[in-house]
């Protein structure tokens, strides 16, 4: 699975500039934008904007934890992670210099 959503090609600047846009950076920018707009809205209606900021931090933590859990369970590597913590000799990951 690739986390790349799209790439931005900036080769017209005279070099080989390609910026990959990852799904995690889009998710992060959505959380920051929603938290900022929510805090501005809360301040505008006379409420405490710190509550919205706390909710934004909680949402970011939930997204990180949920994404990691989904990665472990959905990609089928759950028992590899369990064996990595208990008996690493049971893990059959073959790493070479190119993948590190």
C-alpha atoms as a PDB file:
ATOM      1  CA  UNK A   1       0.000   0.000   0.000  1.00  0.00           C
ATOM      2  CA  UNK A   2       1.276   3.418  -0.878  1.00  0.00           C
ATOM      3  CA  UNK A   3       0.286   6.410   1.180  1.00  0.00           C
ATOM      4  CA  UNK A   4       0.884   8.778  -1.735  1.00  0.00           C
ATOM      5  CA  UNK A   5      -2.264  10.545  -2.879  1.00  0.00           C
ATOM      6  CA  UNK A   6      -0.765  12.677  -5.625  1.00  0.00           C
ATOM      7  CA  UNK A   7       2.458  14.435  -6.566  1.00  0.00           C
ATOM      8  CA  UNK A   8       3.195  18.064  -7.284  1.00  0.00           C
ATOM      9  CA  UNK A   9       5.563  18.440 -10.231  1.00  0.00           C
ATOM     10  CA  UNK A  10       7.741  21.545  -9.993  1.00  0.00           C
ATOM     11  CA  UNK A  11      10.130  20.660 -12.814  1.00  0.00           C
ATOM     12  CA  UNK A  12       9.324  23.954 -14.534  1.00  0.00           C
ATOM     13  CA  UNK A  13      11.616  25.604 -11.940  1.00  0.00           C
ATOM     14  CA  UNK A  14      14.616  24.073 -13.681  1.00  0.00           C
ATOM     15  CA  UNK A  15      15.283  20.996 -11.584  1.00  0.00           C
ATOM     16  CA  UNK A  16      13.851  17.632 -10.761  1.00  0.00           C
ATOM     17  CA  UNK A  17      11.444  18.808  -8.072  1.00  0.00           C
ATOM     18  CA  UNK A  18       8.602  16.422  -7.321  1.00  0.00           C
ATOM     19  CA  UNK A  19       6.746  16.706  -4.029  1.00  0.00           C
ATOM     20  CA  UNK A  20       4.741  13.611  -3.041  1.00  0.00           C
ATOM     21  CA  UNK A  21       1.570  14.436  -1.110  1.00  0.00           C
ATOM     22  CA  UNK A  22       0.885  11.764   1.460  1.00  0.00           C
ATOM     23  CA  UNK A  23      -2.421  10.796   3.019  1.00  0.00           C
ATOM     24  CA  UNK A  24      -1.100  11.482   6.521  1.00  0.00           C
ATOM     25  CA  UNK A  25      -0.152  15.059   5.677  1.00  0.00           C
ATOM     26  CA  UNK A  26      -3.619  15.662   4.216  1.00  0.00           C
ATOM     27  CA  UNK A  27      -5.227  14.232   7.339  1.00  0.00           C
ATOM     28  CA  UNK A  28      -2.996  16.388   9.524  1.00  0.00           C
ATOM     29  CA  UNK A  29      -3.843  19.533   7.602  1.00  0.00           C
ATOM     30  CA  UNK A  30      -7.563  18.743   7.905  1.00  0.00           C
ATOM     31  CA  UNK A  31      -7.308  18.406  11.697  1.00  0.00           C
ATOM     32  CA  UNK A  32      -5.322  21.626  12.035  1.00  0.00           C
ATOM     33  CA  UNK A  33      -7.694  23.550   9.763  1.00  0.00           C
ATOM     34  CA  UNK A  34     -10.835  22.245  11.513  1.00  0.00           C
ATOM     35  CA  UNK A  35      -9.378  23.017  14.945  1.00  0.00           C
ATOM     36  CA  UNK A  36      -8.401  26.525  13.889  1.00  0.00           C
ATOM     37  CA  UNK A  37     -11.778  27.282  12.339  1.00  0.00           C
ATOM     38  CA  UNK A  38     -13.587  25.787  15.341  1.00  0.00           C
ATOM     39  CA  UNK A  39     -11.559  27.899  17.782  1.00  0.00           C
ATOM     40  CA  UNK A  40     -12.282  31.049  15.777  1.00  0.00           C
ATOM     41  CA  UNK A  41     -15.989  30.189  15.665  1.00  0.00           C
ATOM     42  CA  UNK A  42     -16.090  29.459  19.414  1.00  0.00           C
ATOM     43  CA  UNK A  43     -14.415  32.787  20.191  1.00  0.00           C
ATOM     44  CA  UNK A  44     -16.844  34.591  17.882  1.00  0.00           C
ATOM     45  CA  UNK A  45     -19.918  33.226  19.701  1.00  0.00           C
ATOM     46  CA  UNK A  46     -18.441  33.889  23.151  1.00  0.00           C
ATOM     47  CA  UNK A  47     -17.419  30.359  24.119  1.00  0.00           C
ATOM     48  CA  UNK A  48     -14.033  29.097  25.333  1.00  0.00           C
ATOM     49  CA  UNK A  49     -11.842  28.252  22.286  1.00  0.00           C
ATOM     50  CA  UNK A  50      -9.533  26.109  24.453  1.00  0.00           C
ATOM     51  CA  UNK A  51     -12.201  23.408  24.519  1.00  0.00           C
ATOM     52  CA  UNK A  52     -12.091  23.182  20.718  1.00  0.00           C
ATOM     53  CA  UNK A  53      -8.288  23.048  20.746  1.00  0.00           C
ATOM     54  CA  UNK A  54      -8.403  20.206  23.290  1.00  0.00           C
ATOM     55  CA  UNK A  55     -10.877  18.367  21.069  1.00  0.00           C
ATOM     56  CA  UNK A  56      -8.520  18.895  18.131  1.00  0.00           C
ATOM     57  CA  UNK A  57      -5.604  17.359  20.037  1.00  0.00           C
ATOM     58  CA  UNK A  58      -7.812  14.443  21.076  1.00  0.00           C
ATOM     59  CA  UNK A  59      -8.893  13.955  17.476  1.00  0.00           C
ATOM     60  CA  UNK A  60      -5.271  13.944  16.298  1.00  0.00           C
ATOM     61  CA  UNK A  61      -4.332  11.339  18.929  1.00  0.00           C
ATOM     62  CA  UNK A  62      -7.343   9.214  17.966  1.00  0.00           C
ATOM     63  CA  UNK A  63      -6.384   9.341  14.295  1.00  0.00           C
ATOM     64  CA  UNK A  64      -2.785   8.319  14.997  1.00  0.00           C
ATOM     65  CA  UNK A  65      -3.749   5.428  17.278  1.00  0.00           C
ATOM     66  CA  UNK A  66      -6.553   4.255  14.991  1.00  0.00           C
ATOM     67  CA  UNK A  67      -4.352   4.403  11.905  1.00  0.00           C
ATOM     68  CA  UNK A  68      -1.652   2.360  13.598  1.00  0.00           C
ATOM     69  CA  UNK A  69      -4.137  -0.248  14.809  1.00  0.00           C
ATOM     70  CA  UNK A  70      -5.696  -0.491  11.370  1.00  0.00           C
ATOM     71  CA  UNK A  71      -2.253  -0.927   9.830  1.00  0.00           C
ATOM     72  CA  UNK A  72      -1.376  -3.769  12.200  1.00  0.00           C
ATOM     73  CA  UNK A  73      -4.666  -5.644  11.876  1.00  0.00           C
ATOM     74  CA  UNK A  74      -5.604  -4.984   8.249  1.00  0.00           C
ATOM     75  CA  UNK A  75      -2.182  -5.628   6.724  1.00  0.00           C
ATOM     76  CA  UNK A  76      -1.984  -9.039   8.363  1.00  0.00           C
ATOM     77  CA  UNK A  77       1.164  -8.416  10.395  1.00  0.00           C
ATOM     78  CA  UNK A  78      -0.441  -8.737  13.817  1.00  0.00           C
ATOM     79  CA  UNK A  79       1.319 -11.955  14.827  1.00  0.00           C
ATOM     80  CA  UNK A  80       4.631 -10.641  13.514  1.00  0.00           C
ATOM     81  CA  UNK A  81       4.319  -7.703  15.915  1.00  0.00           C
ATOM     82  CA  UNK A  82       3.380 -10.037  18.776  1.00  0.00           C
ATOM     83  CA  UNK A  83       6.353 -12.323  18.057  1.00  0.00           C
ATOM     84  CA  UNK A  84       8.653  -9.323  17.684  1.00  0.00           C
ATOM     85  CA  UNK A  85       7.852  -8.417  21.301  1.00  0.00           C
ATOM     86  CA  UNK A  86       7.900 -11.960  22.711  1.00  0.00           C
ATOM     87  CA  UNK A  87      10.222 -14.135  20.571  1.00  0.00           C
ATOM     88  CA  UNK A  88      11.929 -12.295  17.694  1.00  0.00           C
ATOM     89  CA  UNK A  89      13.282 -15.543  16.230  1.00  0.00           C
ATOM     90  CA  UNK A  90       9.751 -16.380  15.009  1.00  0.00           C
ATOM     91  CA  UNK A  91       9.597 -13.278  12.824  1.00  0.00           C
ATOM     92  CA  UNK A  92      10.484 -13.976   9.197  1.00  0.00           C
ATOM     93  CA  UNK A  93      11.255 -10.459   8.060  1.00  0.00           C
ATOM     94  CA  UNK A  94      14.172 -10.376   5.711  1.00  0.00           C
ATOM     95  CA  UNK A  95      15.708  -6.941   5.697  1.00  0.00           C
ATOM     96  CA  UNK A  96      18.535  -5.964   3.449  1.00  0.00           C
ATOM     97  CA  UNK A  97      20.525  -2.753   2.994  1.00  0.00           C
ATOM     98  CA  UNK A  98      18.148  -1.436   0.324  1.00  0.00           C
ATOM     99  CA  UNK A  99      15.043  -1.564   2.526  1.00  0.00           C
ATOM    100  CA  UNK A 100      16.635   0.080   5.561  1.00  0.00           C
END
